[in-house]
Amino acid sequence: MLARMGQREWALVAIVAALIVGVLFYFFAIQPMQSQIATLNQQINLLTFQRNQGLAAQRALPELQATIASLEAQKQVFLLELPPEEHLAQVLTSIDRRAQESGVTIESLARSLSQSQVPGVRSVNLGLRVSSPFPELYVFLTRLEKMRRFSTISGLQIQVGKQVSNPQLTTSMTMTVYVYTGKGVKP
């Protein structure tokens, strides 16, 4: 049968074989390469984005380190400004003076230690119970806020008396006073 094929038949067989080889080459070589090219382009885009982020972070690193150093220095200055001892007598005298100036009656006062979340700092809780009308209480709280101590007021609970006009308020609060206990030397 092959001997009877003429030049035209051999040309057609060669053309069909070339087409089959071309189609097989397309499906087994070009198609996988195109999908691999798309995958590689996605990886290139991702890696380019990550590289740009890394370069931006690298450029910002000195500024970030300077900011951290500045904040650490500010923290140390702040900690050194805290009193090295409680001086509880001075604090109580100051609170009593502010209460008398404001017209507030201190009914009770209790002291307790608490845990500070800042290393080198101890906090002392003072539980206060005071009694007064609202205007005097407001003045007292304002004066406590302006004390030259690092302290916070929390847990403010107010009970209203039975009077209708300007009732007597009984107020419970916790005043936390902070004391520096770190190994640094106060300037």
Protein backbone atom coordinates (compact mmCIF):
# COMPACT_ATOMS: atom_id res chain seq x y z
CA MET A 1 0.00 0.00 0.00
CA LEU A 2 2.84 2.39 0.74
CA ALA A 3 4.40 1.49 -2.58
CA ARG A 4 1.29 2.55 -4.49
CA MET A 5 1.16 6.02 -2.86
CA GLY A 6 2.12 8.81 -5.10
CA GLN A 7 3.81 12.05 -4.42
CA ARG A 8 0.52 13.80 -3.74
CA GLU A 9 -0.55 11.22 -1.13
CA TRP A 10 2.83 11.48 0.61
CA ALA A 11 2.44 15.25 0.71
CA LEU A 12 -1.04 14.91 2.26
CA VAL A 13 0.26 12.41 4.87
CA ALA A 14 3.14 14.80 5.67
CA ILE A 15 0.70 17.73 6.00
CA VAL A 16 -1.65 15.72 8.27
CA ALA A 17 1.29 14.46 10.35
CA ALA A 18 2.62 18.04 10.66
CA LEU A 19 -0.84 19.25 11.76
CA ILE A 20 -1.11 16.43 14.33
CA VAL A 21 2.38 17.19 15.66
CA GLY A 22 1.48 20.93 15.77
CA VAL A 23 -1.76 20.28 17.70
CA LEU A 24 0.00 17.91 20.12
CA PHE A 25 2.81 20.46 20.59
CA TYR A 26 0.23 23.17 21.31
CA PHE A 27 -1.65 21.11 23.92
CA PHE A 28 1.36 19.49 25.59
CA ALA A 29 3.96 22.26 25.40
CA ILE A 30 2.48 25.71 24.70
CA GLN A 31 -0.69 25.40 26.84
CA PRO A 32 1.19 24.35 30.04
CA MET A 33 3.74 27.11 29.42
CA GLN A 34 0.98 29.74 29.20
CA SER A 35 -0.57 28.62 32.49
CA GLN A 36 2.91 28.55 34.05
CA ILE A 37 3.56 32.07 32.71
CA ALA A 38 0.30 33.30 34.33
CA THR A 39 1.29 31.68 37.64
CA LEU A 40 4.77 33.17 37.47
CA ASN A 41 3.32 36.62 36.69
CA GLN A 42 1.15 36.38 39.80
CA GLN A 43 4.19 35.38 41.86
CA ILE A 44 6.18 38.25 40.37
CA ASN A 45 3.42 40.71 41.30
CA LEU A 46 3.24 39.32 44.84
CA LEU A 47 7.02 39.38 45.27
CA THR A 48 7.21 42.91 43.85
CA PHE A 49 4.58 44.05 46.34
CA GLN A 50 6.43 42.36 49.22
CA ARG A 51 9.74 43.84 48.07
CA ASN A 52 8.19 47.33 47.95
CA GLN A 53 6.78 46.84 51.45
CA GLY A 54 10.18 45.68 52.68
CA LEU A 55 11.92 48.67 51.08
CA ALA A 56 9.38 51.06 52.60
CA ALA A 57 9.85 49.42 56.01
CA GLN A 58 13.61 49.60 55.60
CA ARG A 59 13.40 53.32 54.77
CA ALA A 60 11.14 53.91 57.80
CA LEU A 61 13.29 51.85 60.18
CA PRO A 62 15.67 54.66 61.27
CA GLU A 63 12.73 56.97 62.00
CA LEU A 64 10.97 54.20 63.94
CA GLN A 65 14.13 53.45 65.93
CA ALA A 66 14.53 57.17 66.70
CA THR A 67 10.90 57.35 67.82
CA ILE A 68 11.33 54.31 70.06
CA ALA A 69 14.50 55.77 71.57
CA SER A 70 12.73 59.09 72.16
CA LEU A 71 9.77 57.39 73.82
CA GLU A 72 12.08 55.31 76.01
CA ALA A 73 13.90 58.49 77.06
CA GLN A 74 10.57 60.21 77.82
CA LYS A 75 9.48 57.18 79.84
CA GLN A 76 12.69 57.29 81.89
CA VAL A 77 12.27 61.04 82.52
CA PHE A 78 8.66 60.43 83.54
CA LEU A 79 9.60 57.59 85.87
CA LEU A 80 12.33 59.68 87.48
CA GLU A 81 9.80 62.46 88.11
CA LEU A 82 7.73 60.09 90.23
CA PRO A 83 8.50 60.46 93.93
CA PRO A 84 10.84 57.77 95.25
CA GLU A 85 8.75 57.30 98.40
CA GLU A 86 5.07 57.37 99.17
CA HIS A 87 5.19 60.40 101.48
CA LEU A 88 1.74 59.25 102.51
CA ALA A 89 1.51 61.88 105.26
CA GLN A 90 1.99 64.65 102.68
CA VAL A 91 -0.58 63.09 100.35
CA LEU A 92 -3.15 62.72 103.15
CA THR A 93 -2.51 66.27 104.36
CA SER A 94 -2.94 67.56 100.82
CA ILE A 95 -6.21 65.62 100.34
CA ASP A 96 -7.53 66.83 103.72
CA ARG A 97 -6.62 70.45 102.91
CA ARG A 98 -8.37 70.24 99.54
CA ALA A 99 -11.42 68.67 101.19
CA GLN A 100 -11.61 71.47 103.78
CA GLU A 101 -11.14 74.17 101.13
CA SER A 102 -13.90 72.61 99.03
CA GLY A 103 -16.36 72.05 101.89
CA VAL A 104 -16.24 68.25 101.60
CA THR A 105 -16.30 65.94 104.63
CA ILE A 106 -13.99 62.92 104.50
CA GLU A 107 -15.89 60.07 106.16
CA SER A 108 -13.30 57.32 105.72
CA LEU A 109 -9.95 56.62 104.16
CA ALA A 110 -8.24 53.26 103.57
CA ARG A 111 -4.84 52.45 102.09
CA SER A 112 -3.89 49.34 100.11
CA LEU A 113 -1.11 48.34 97.73
CA SER A 114 -1.93 47.32 94.20
CA GLN A 115 -0.04 45.85 91.28
CA SER A 116 1.38 48.31 88.79
CA GLN A 117 1.75 47.24 85.18
CA VAL A 118 4.83 49.43 84.75
CA PRO A 119 8.13 47.91 85.89
CA GLY A 120 9.82 50.02 88.55
CA VAL A 121 6.55 51.68 89.65
CA ARG A 122 4.48 50.82 92.71
CA SER A 123 0.91 52.01 93.03
CA VAL A 124 -0.84 52.73 96.31
CA ASN A 125 -4.63 52.77 96.43
CA LEU A 126 -6.40 55.18 98.75
CA GLY A 127 -10.09 54.38 99.22
CA LEU A 128 -11.93 57.61 100.00
CA ARG A 129 -15.49 58.10 101.15
CA VAL A 130 -16.63 61.71 101.17
CA SER A 131 -19.88 63.51 101.75
CA SER A 132 -21.03 66.85 100.33
CA PRO A 133 -23.46 68.53 97.96
CA PHE A 134 -22.60 68.31 94.27
CA PRO A 135 -20.96 71.74 93.75
CA GLU A 136 -18.52 71.14 96.61
CA LEU A 137 -17.83 67.60 95.37
CA TYR A 138 -17.08 68.91 91.90
CA VAL A 139 -14.65 71.51 93.27
CA PHE A 140 -12.98 68.80 95.39
CA LEU A 141 -12.53 66.46 92.42
CA THR A 142 -11.17 69.33 90.33
CA ARG A 143 -8.64 70.16 93.04
CA LEU A 144 -7.63 66.52 93.36
CA GLU A 145 -7.08 66.46 89.63
CA LYS A 146 -4.71 69.43 89.88
CA MET A 147 -2.59 67.90 92.64
CA ARG A 148 1.13 67.84 91.95
CA ARG A 149 1.21 64.06 92.27
CA PHE A 150 0.96 61.36 89.65
CA SER A 151 -2.37 59.85 90.58
CA THR A 152 -5.62 58.65 89.12
CA ILE A 153 -9.20 58.59 90.40
CA SER A 154 -11.27 55.52 89.57
CA GLY A 155 -14.28 53.61 90.79
CA LEU A 156 -16.32 56.72 91.48
CA GLN A 157 -19.66 55.74 93.08
CA ILE A 158 -22.19 58.35 94.11
CA GLN A 159 -25.21 57.85 96.37
CA VAL A 160 -27.80 60.61 96.49
CA GLY A 161 -29.35 61.69 99.78
CA LYS A 162 -33.08 62.16 100.34
CA GLN A 163 -33.14 65.95 100.10
CA VAL A 164 -34.85 67.33 97.02
CA SER A 165 -32.88 70.55 96.67
CA ASN A 166 -29.06 70.25 96.54
CA PRO A 167 -28.98 66.77 98.14
CA GLN A 168 -26.07 65.47 100.15
CA LEU A 169 -23.98 63.07 98.05
CA THR A 170 -22.02 60.23 99.56
CA THR A 171 -19.17 59.42 97.19
CA SER A 172 -16.80 56.47 97.23
CA MET A 173 -13.71 56.56 95.06
CA THR A 174 -10.29 55.03 94.70
CA MET A 175 -7.33 57.33 94.30
CA THR A 176 -4.21 55.57 93.04
CA VAL A 177 -0.88 57.25 93.82
CA TYR A 178 2.22 56.14 91.91
CA VAL A 179 5.71 55.79 93.41
CA TYR A 180 8.98 55.09 91.57
CA THR A 181 10.78 52.02 92.91
CA GLY A 182 13.22 51.41 90.04
CA LYS A 183 16.98 51.25 90.39
CA GLY A 184 17.51 54.55 88.57
CA VAL A 185 18.79 57.49 90.61
CA LYS A 186 16.54 60.48 90.81
CA PRO A 187 18.33 63.55 89.38
